[in-house]
Amino acid sequence: MTTIDETSKSDYDSLSTSDKESIRQAVRDLSTTGFENNVSDQRLDRAIKGALGERETLYTGRMARTPTLDGDAEEFLLNLSAHKAELASGGEAESESGEGGSTNYRSGGQVEDYLELTRYGITAMRHVDNRKSTSIVRSY
């Protein structure tokens, strides 16, 4: 079985059906009451591929002044995928009222707050080194 951290965005579509289902189920297992019933396999696949793409570009450490992955890659990707799936299903409720049916959702402010919009994003953030720094990249 291929895990989410053993594949790339470009390779995801060529995975076997059982490998894709295993990855989808691992993402769905993070939630007991959330998006798992509201998000189709196709939408969840887009969220997973989006998370893989972000890992390959934003969190690689190859770019100056961006956060880098500094924790468990599999947990990071599962939580980032769940974060994207939760946002795709309307976002995570911040507060709910049973009496009037009122529900408040978090809405994003700054780009830095993007991962703070869901509990999965907050968990993913724990696997990222987000210190501000300037770096020099040498390539040959």
N, C-alpha and C. Protein backbone atom coordinates (compact mmCIF):
# COMPACT_ATOMS: atom_id res chain seq x y z
N MET A 1 0.83 -1.19 0.00
CA MET A 1 0.00 0.00 0.00
C MET A 1 0.87 1.25 0.00
N THR A 2 0.55 2.17 -0.86
CA THR A 2 1.23 3.45 -0.94
C THR A 2 0.58 4.41 0.04
N THR A 3 1.39 5.10 0.84
CA THR A 3 0.86 6.11 1.75
C THR A 3 0.98 7.48 1.09
N ILE A 4 0.31 8.45 1.67
CA ILE A 4 0.24 9.78 1.05
C ILE A 4 1.61 10.44 0.92
N ASP A 5 2.52 10.16 1.84
CA ASP A 5 3.84 10.79 1.76
C ASP A 5 4.78 10.06 0.79
N GLU A 6 4.34 8.96 0.23
CA GLU A 6 5.16 8.21 -0.72
C GLU A 6 4.78 8.48 -2.18
N THR A 7 3.88 9.44 -2.39
CA THR A 7 3.47 9.75 -3.75
C THR A 7 3.63 11.24 -4.01
N SER A 8 3.44 11.62 -5.24
CA SER A 8 3.53 13.03 -5.61
C SER A 8 2.24 13.43 -6.31
N LYS A 9 2.08 14.71 -6.52
CA LYS A 9 0.88 15.20 -7.21
C LYS A 9 0.78 14.60 -8.61
N SER A 10 1.90 14.54 -9.31
CA SER A 10 1.89 14.03 -10.68
C SER A 10 1.66 12.51 -10.73
N ASP A 11 2.02 11.79 -9.67
CA ASP A 11 1.86 10.33 -9.64
C ASP A 11 0.52 9.88 -9.07
N TYR A 12 -0.20 10.78 -8.42
CA TYR A 12 -1.43 10.39 -7.71
C TYR A 12 -2.45 9.75 -8.64
N ASP A 13 -2.66 10.31 -9.82
CA ASP A 13 -3.66 9.77 -10.74
C ASP A 13 -3.33 8.36 -11.22
N SER A 14 -2.06 8.00 -11.22
CA SER A 14 -1.67 6.67 -11.71
C SER A 14 -1.66 5.62 -10.60
N LEU A 15 -1.99 6.00 -9.37
CA LEU A 15 -2.06 5.01 -8.28
C LEU A 15 -3.20 4.04 -8.53
N SER A 16 -3.08 2.87 -7.96
CA SER A 16 -4.16 1.89 -8.08
C SER A 16 -5.39 2.38 -7.32
N THR A 17 -6.53 1.85 -7.67
CA THR A 17 -7.78 2.22 -7.01
C THR A 17 -7.71 1.94 -5.51
N SER A 18 -7.11 0.82 -5.13
CA SER A 18 -7.02 0.49 -3.70
C SER A 18 -6.07 1.44 -2.96
N ASP A 19 -4.99 1.88 -3.61
CA ASP A 19 -4.08 2.84 -2.98
C ASP A 19 -4.78 4.19 -2.78
N LYS A 20 -5.52 4.64 -3.81
CA LYS A 20 -6.25 5.90 -3.67
C LYS A 20 -7.29 5.80 -2.56
N GLU A 21 -8.01 4.69 -2.52
CA GLU A 21 -9.04 4.53 -1.49
C GLU A 21 -8.42 4.48 -0.09
N SER A 22 -7.25 3.86 0.02
CA SER A 22 -6.55 3.81 1.30
C SER A 22 -6.16 5.21 1.76
N ILE A 23 -5.66 6.03 0.85
CA ILE A 23 -5.29 7.41 1.18
C ILE A 23 -6.52 8.22 1.53
N ARG A 24 -7.59 8.09 0.72
CA ARG A 24 -8.85 8.81 1.03
C ARG A 24 -9.36 8.44 2.41
N GLN A 25 -9.33 7.13 2.72
CA GLN A 25 -9.83 6.68 4.01
C GLN A 25 -8.98 7.21 5.16
N ALA A 26 -7.67 7.30 4.95
CA ALA A 26 -6.80 7.85 5.99
C ALA A 26 -7.15 9.31 6.26
N VAL A 27 -7.49 10.06 5.22
CA VAL A 27 -7.89 11.46 5.39
C VAL A 27 -9.25 11.51 6.08
N ARG A 28 -10.20 10.69 5.63
CA ARG A 28 -11.53 10.67 6.24
C ARG A 28 -11.49 10.25 7.71
N ASP A 29 -10.55 9.37 8.06
CA ASP A 29 -10.45 8.89 9.44
C ASP A 29 -10.07 9.99 10.43
N LEU A 30 -9.57 11.12 9.94
CA LEU A 30 -9.24 12.23 10.83
C LEU A 30 -10.49 12.89 11.40
N SER A 31 -11.61 12.74 10.73
CA SER A 31 -12.85 13.40 11.15
C SER A 31 -13.88 12.37 11.58
N THR A 32 -14.54 12.63 12.70
CA THR A 32 -15.60 11.74 13.13
C THR A 32 -16.98 12.29 12.77
N THR A 33 -17.07 13.61 12.57
CA THR A 33 -18.38 14.19 12.29
C THR A 33 -18.37 15.19 11.16
N GLY A 34 -17.24 15.41 10.53
CA GLY A 34 -17.11 16.52 9.59
C GLY A 34 -17.43 16.20 8.16
N PHE A 35 -16.48 16.43 7.30
CA PHE A 35 -16.67 16.46 5.86
C PHE A 35 -16.84 15.10 5.22
N GLU A 36 -16.56 14.00 5.93
CA GLU A 36 -16.49 12.71 5.26
C GLU A 36 -17.76 12.32 4.52
N ASN A 37 -18.91 12.77 4.97
CA ASN A 37 -20.16 12.44 4.28
C ASN A 37 -20.52 13.45 3.21
N ASN A 38 -19.90 14.62 3.24
CA ASN A 38 -20.26 15.70 2.33
C ASN A 38 -19.35 15.82 1.12
N VAL A 39 -18.21 15.17 1.13
CA VAL A 39 -17.22 15.37 0.08
C VAL A 39 -17.11 14.09 -0.76
N SER A 40 -17.29 14.25 -2.06
CA SER A 40 -17.19 13.11 -2.97
C SER A 40 -15.73 12.68 -3.11
N ASP A 41 -15.54 11.49 -3.65
CA ASP A 41 -14.18 11.00 -3.89
C ASP A 41 -13.41 11.94 -4.82
N GLN A 42 -14.09 12.48 -5.82
CA GLN A 42 -13.43 13.38 -6.76
C GLN A 42 -12.98 14.66 -6.08
N ARG A 43 -13.82 15.21 -5.23
CA ARG A 43 -13.46 16.44 -4.52
C ARG A 43 -12.35 16.16 -3.51
N LEU A 44 -12.41 15.01 -2.85
CA LEU A 44 -11.36 14.65 -1.91
C LEU A 44 -10.05 14.42 -2.65
N ASP A 45 -10.12 13.80 -3.84
CA ASP A 45 -8.90 13.63 -4.64
C ASP A 45 -8.29 14.98 -4.99
N ARG A 46 -9.12 15.98 -5.33
CA ARG A 46 -8.60 17.32 -5.62
C ARG A 46 -7.92 17.92 -4.39
N ALA A 47 -8.52 17.71 -3.22
CA ALA A 47 -7.92 18.22 -1.98
C ALA A 47 -6.59 17.54 -1.71
N ILE A 48 -6.53 16.24 -1.92
CA ILE A 48 -5.29 15.48 -1.69
C ILE A 48 -4.21 15.94 -2.68
N LYS A 49 -4.57 16.07 -3.96
CA LYS A 49 -3.60 16.53 -4.95
C LYS A 49 -3.16 17.97 -4.67
N GLY A 50 -4.07 18.79 -4.17
CA GLY A 50 -3.70 20.15 -3.79
C GLY A 50 -2.71 20.16 -2.65
N ALA A 51 -2.93 19.29 -1.66
CA ALA A 51 -2.01 19.19 -0.53
C ALA A 51 -0.64 18.68 -0.98
N LEU A 52 -0.65 17.69 -1.88
CA LEU A 52 0.63 17.19 -2.40
C LEU A 52 1.36 18.29 -3.17
N GLY A 53 0.62 19.06 -3.95
CA GLY A 53 1.22 20.18 -4.69
C GLY A 53 1.80 21.23 -3.77
N GLU A 54 1.09 21.55 -2.70
CA GLU A 54 1.62 22.53 -1.74
C GLU A 54 2.88 22.01 -1.08
N ARG A 55 2.88 20.73 -0.71
CA ARG A 55 4.08 20.16 -0.10
C ARG A 55 5.26 20.25 -1.05
N GLU A 56 5.02 19.99 -2.33
CA GLU A 56 6.10 19.97 -3.32
C GLU A 56 6.60 21.36 -3.69
N THR A 57 5.81 22.40 -3.42
CA THR A 57 6.23 23.75 -3.80
C THR A 57 6.46 24.64 -2.58
N LEU A 58 5.46 24.80 -1.74
CA LEU A 58 5.55 25.76 -0.64
C LEU A 58 6.37 25.29 0.54
N TYR A 59 6.36 24.01 0.83
CA TYR A 59 6.96 23.52 2.07
C TYR A 59 8.22 22.71 1.86
N THR A 60 8.93 22.94 0.76
CA THR A 60 10.12 22.13 0.45
C THR A 60 11.39 22.67 1.07
N GLY A 61 11.42 23.93 1.41
CA GLY A 61 12.65 24.52 1.91
C GLY A 61 13.54 25.04 0.79
N ARG A 62 13.10 24.91 -0.46
CA ARG A 62 13.89 25.39 -1.60
C ARG A 62 13.64 26.85 -1.89
N MET A 63 12.65 27.43 -1.26
CA MET A 63 12.32 28.82 -1.52
C MET A 63 12.62 29.64 -0.27
N ALA A 64 13.17 30.80 -0.46
CA ALA A 64 13.49 31.66 0.67
C ALA A 64 12.20 32.21 1.29
N ARG A 65 12.23 32.39 2.58
CA ARG A 65 11.14 33.02 3.33
C ARG A 65 9.82 32.28 3.29
N THR A 66 9.84 30.99 3.08
CA THR A 66 8.60 30.24 3.17
C THR A 66 8.74 29.19 4.25
N PRO A 67 7.63 28.77 4.82
CA PRO A 67 7.70 27.73 5.84
C PRO A 67 8.16 26.41 5.22
N THR A 68 8.87 25.61 5.99
CA THR A 68 9.35 24.33 5.50
C THR A 68 8.82 23.21 6.38
N LEU A 69 8.59 22.08 5.77
CA LEU A 69 8.11 20.91 6.48
C LEU A 69 9.22 20.43 7.41
N ASP A 70 8.90 20.34 8.69
CA ASP A 70 9.90 19.98 9.68
C ASP A 70 9.32 18.95 10.65
N GLY A 71 8.41 18.14 10.17
CA GLY A 71 7.77 17.15 11.02
C GLY A 71 7.42 15.92 10.20
N ASP A 72 6.48 15.17 10.68
CA ASP A 72 6.04 13.95 10.03
C ASP A 72 5.31 14.29 8.73
N ALA A 73 5.89 13.92 7.61
CA ALA A 73 5.33 14.27 6.29
C ALA A 73 3.95 13.65 6.08
N GLU A 74 3.76 12.42 6.53
CA GLU A 74 2.46 11.76 6.33
C GLU A 74 1.37 12.46 7.13
N GLU A 75 1.63 12.75 8.39
CA GLU A 75 0.63 13.45 9.22
C GLU A 75 0.34 14.84 8.67
N PHE A 76 1.38 15.51 8.23
CA PHE A 76 1.20 16.83 7.63
C PHE A 76 0.28 16.77 6.42
N LEU A 77 0.57 15.84 5.51
CA LEU A 77 -0.22 15.73 4.28
C LEU A 77 -1.65 15.29 4.55
N LEU A 78 -1.85 14.36 5.47
CA LEU A 78 -3.21 13.94 5.81
C LEU A 78 -4.01 15.10 6.36
N ASN A 79 -3.41 15.86 7.27
CA ASN A 79 -4.12 16.99 7.87
C ASN A 79 -4.32 18.13 6.88
N LEU A 80 -3.34 18.37 6.01
CA LEU A 80 -3.51 19.41 4.99
C LEU A 80 -4.61 19.02 4.00
N SER A 81 -4.68 17.74 3.65
CA SER A 81 -5.75 17.26 2.77
C SER A 81 -7.11 17.41 3.45
N ALA A 82 -7.18 17.04 4.73
CA ALA A 82 -8.44 17.18 5.47
C ALA A 82 -8.83 18.65 5.58
N HIS A 83 -7.84 19.51 5.78
CA HIS A 83 -8.08 20.96 5.85
C HIS A 83 -8.71 21.45 4.55
N LYS A 84 -8.13 21.05 3.42
CA LYS A 84 -8.66 21.46 2.13
C LYS A 84 -10.05 20.88 1.88
N ALA A 85 -10.27 19.64 2.29
CA ALA A 85 -11.59 19.02 2.11
C ALA A 85 -12.63 19.72 2.98
N GLU A 86 -12.25 20.08 4.20
CA GLU A 86 -13.17 20.80 5.09
C GLU A 86 -13.55 22.16 4.50
N LEU A 87 -12.57 22.86 3.96
CA LEU A 87 -12.86 24.15 3.32
C LEU A 87 -13.73 23.96 2.08
N ALA A 88 -13.50 22.87 1.35
CA ALA A 88 -14.31 22.60 0.15
C ALA A 88 -15.76 22.31 0.50
N SER A 89 -15.99 21.82 1.71
CA SER A 89 -17.37 21.51 2.10
C SER A 89 -18.02 22.67 2.85
N GLY A 90 -17.40 23.83 2.83
CA GLY A 90 -18.02 25.01 3.43
C GLY A 90 -17.27 25.57 4.62
N GLY A 91 -16.25 24.90 5.07
CA GLY A 91 -15.47 25.39 6.21
C GLY A 91 -15.94 24.78 7.51
N GLU A 92 -15.20 25.07 8.54
CA GLU A 92 -15.47 24.52 9.86
C GLU A 92 -16.26 25.53 10.68
N ALA A 93 -17.30 25.06 11.30
CA ALA A 93 -18.13 25.95 12.12
C ALA A 93 -17.34 26.41 13.34
N GLU A 94 -17.42 27.69 13.62
CA GLU A 94 -16.77 28.25 14.79
C GLU A 94 -17.68 28.15 16.00
N SER A 95 -18.97 28.39 15.78
CA SER A 95 -19.96 28.25 16.85
C SER A 95 -21.30 27.94 16.23
N GLU A 96 -22.10 27.18 16.96
CA GLU A 96 -23.42 26.81 16.47
C GLU A 96 -24.44 27.03 17.57
N SER A 97 -25.65 27.38 17.18
CA SER A 97 -26.74 27.56 18.12
C SER A 97 -27.85 26.61 17.72
N GLY A 98 -28.25 25.75 18.64
CA GLY A 98 -29.30 24.79 18.35
C GLY A 98 -30.68 25.41 18.31
N GLU A 99 -30.86 26.54 18.95
CA GLU A 99 -32.19 27.13 19.04
C GLU A 99 -32.65 27.75 17.74
N GLY A 100 -31.85 28.64 17.18
CA GLY A 100 -32.27 29.35 15.98
C GLY A 100 -31.63 28.84 14.71
N GLY A 101 -30.83 27.81 14.84
CA GLY A 101 -30.16 27.29 13.67
C GLY A 101 -29.04 28.17 13.18
N SER A 102 -28.51 29.01 14.05
CA SER A 102 -27.45 29.94 13.67
C SER A 102 -26.09 29.25 13.73
N THR A 103 -25.31 29.43 12.69
CA THR A 103 -23.96 28.89 12.65
C THR A 103 -23.02 29.96 12.16
N ASN A 104 -21.91 30.15 12.86
CA ASN A 104 -20.88 31.09 12.45
C ASN A 104 -19.68 30.33 11.93
N TYR A 105 -19.11 30.79 10.82
CA TYR A 105 -17.93 30.17 10.24
C TYR A 105 -16.76 31.13 10.31
N ARG A 106 -15.59 30.55 10.44
CA ARG A 106 -14.39 31.37 10.40
C ARG A 106 -14.17 31.82 8.97
N SER A 107 -13.82 33.06 8.83
CA SER A 107 -13.46 33.54 7.49
C SER A 107 -12.04 34.03 7.55
N GLY A 108 -11.32 33.77 6.50
CA GLY A 108 -9.90 34.08 6.49
C GLY A 108 -9.61 35.57 6.51
N GLY A 109 -8.49 35.90 7.07
CA GLY A 109 -8.01 37.27 7.06
C GLY A 109 -6.76 37.30 6.22
N GLN A 110 -5.64 37.29 6.87
CA GLN A 110 -4.36 37.30 6.18
C GLN A 110 -4.04 35.93 5.62
N VAL A 111 -3.17 35.89 4.64
CA VAL A 111 -2.77 34.62 4.03
C VAL A 111 -2.13 33.71 5.07
N GLU A 112 -1.40 34.29 6.04
CA GLU A 112 -0.75 33.50 7.06
C GLU A 112 -1.76 32.74 7.91
N ASP A 113 -2.99 33.23 7.95
CA ASP A 113 -4.03 32.60 8.76
C ASP A 113 -4.71 31.44 8.05
N TYR A 114 -4.32 31.16 6.82
CA TYR A 114 -4.98 30.13 6.01
C TYR A 114 -5.08 28.80 6.73
N LEU A 115 -4.01 28.33 7.33
CA LEU A 115 -4.04 27.04 8.01
C LEU A 115 -4.80 27.08 9.33
N GLU A 116 -5.09 28.27 9.83
CA GLU A 116 -5.81 28.39 11.08
C GLU A 116 -7.33 28.32 10.91
N LEU A 117 -7.79 28.14 9.68
CA LEU A 117 -9.23 28.12 9.42
C LEU A 117 -9.91 26.83 9.85
N THR A 118 -9.15 25.74 10.00
CA THR A 118 -9.73 24.48 10.47
C THR A 118 -8.81 23.83 11.49
N ARG A 119 -9.36 22.91 12.25
CA ARG A 119 -8.54 22.19 13.24
C ARG A 119 -7.48 21.32 12.55
N TYR A 120 -7.77 20.88 11.33
CA TYR A 120 -6.80 20.08 10.58
C TYR A 120 -5.62 20.94 10.12
N GLY A 121 -5.91 22.16 9.72
CA GLY A 121 -4.86 23.09 9.32
C GLY A 121 -3.96 23.44 10.49
N ILE A 122 -4.57 23.62 11.67
CA ILE A 122 -3.78 23.92 12.87
C ILE A 122 -2.86 22.75 13.20
N THR A 123 -3.37 21.52 13.05
CA THR A 123 -2.53 20.35 13.29
C THR A 123 -1.42 20.26 12.25
N ALA A 124 -1.74 20.55 10.99
CA ALA A 124 -0.71 20.52 9.94
C ALA A 124 0.37 21.55 10.23
N MET A 125 -0.03 22.72 10.75
CA MET A 125 0.93 23.78 11.05
C MET A 125 1.97 23.34 12.08
N ARG A 126 1.63 22.41 12.92
CA ARG A 126 2.58 21.93 13.94
C ARG A 126 3.74 21.18 13.33
N HIS A 127 3.62 20.78 12.07
CA HIS A 127 4.68 20.04 11.39
C HIS A 127 5.50 20.94 10.47
N VAL A 128 5.31 22.24 10.61
CA VAL A 128 5.97 23.20 9.72
C VAL A 128 6.86 24.14 10.54
N ASP A 129 8.08 24.34 10.05
CA ASP A 129 8.97 25.34 10.64
C ASP A 129 8.63 26.66 9.97
N ASN A 130 8.04 27.56 10.74
CA ASN A 130 7.50 28.79 10.18
C ASN A 130 8.32 30.02 10.57
N ARG A 131 9.57 29.79 10.99
CA ARG A 131 10.40 30.92 11.38
C ARG A 131 10.74 31.77 10.18
N LYS A 132 10.67 33.06 10.35
CA LYS A 132 11.01 33.99 9.28
C LYS A 132 12.53 34.05 9.16
N SER A 133 13.01 33.90 7.96
CA SER A 133 14.45 33.99 7.74
C SER A 133 14.72 34.29 6.28
N THR A 134 15.93 34.67 6.04
CA THR A 134 16.38 34.88 4.68
C THR A 134 17.40 33.80 4.38
N SER A 135 17.29 33.20 3.23
CA SER A 135 18.24 32.14 2.91
C SER A 135 18.78 32.35 1.51
N ILE A 136 19.87 31.69 1.27
CA ILE A 136 20.50 31.74 -0.05
C ILE A 136 20.41 30.34 -0.63
N VAL A 137 19.96 30.26 -1.85
CA VAL A 137 19.83 28.97 -2.52
C VAL A 137 20.89 28.88 -3.59
N ARG A 138 21.70 27.86 -3.51
CA ARG A 138 22.76 27.65 -4.50
C ARG A 138 22.32 26.52 -5.41
N SER A 139 22.39 26.74 -6.69
CA SER A 139 22.07 25.68 -7.64
C SER A 139 23.20 25.55 -8.64
N TYR A 140 23.38 24.39 -9.14
CA TYR A 140 24.46 24.11 -10.09
C TYR A 140 23.88 23.80 -11.44
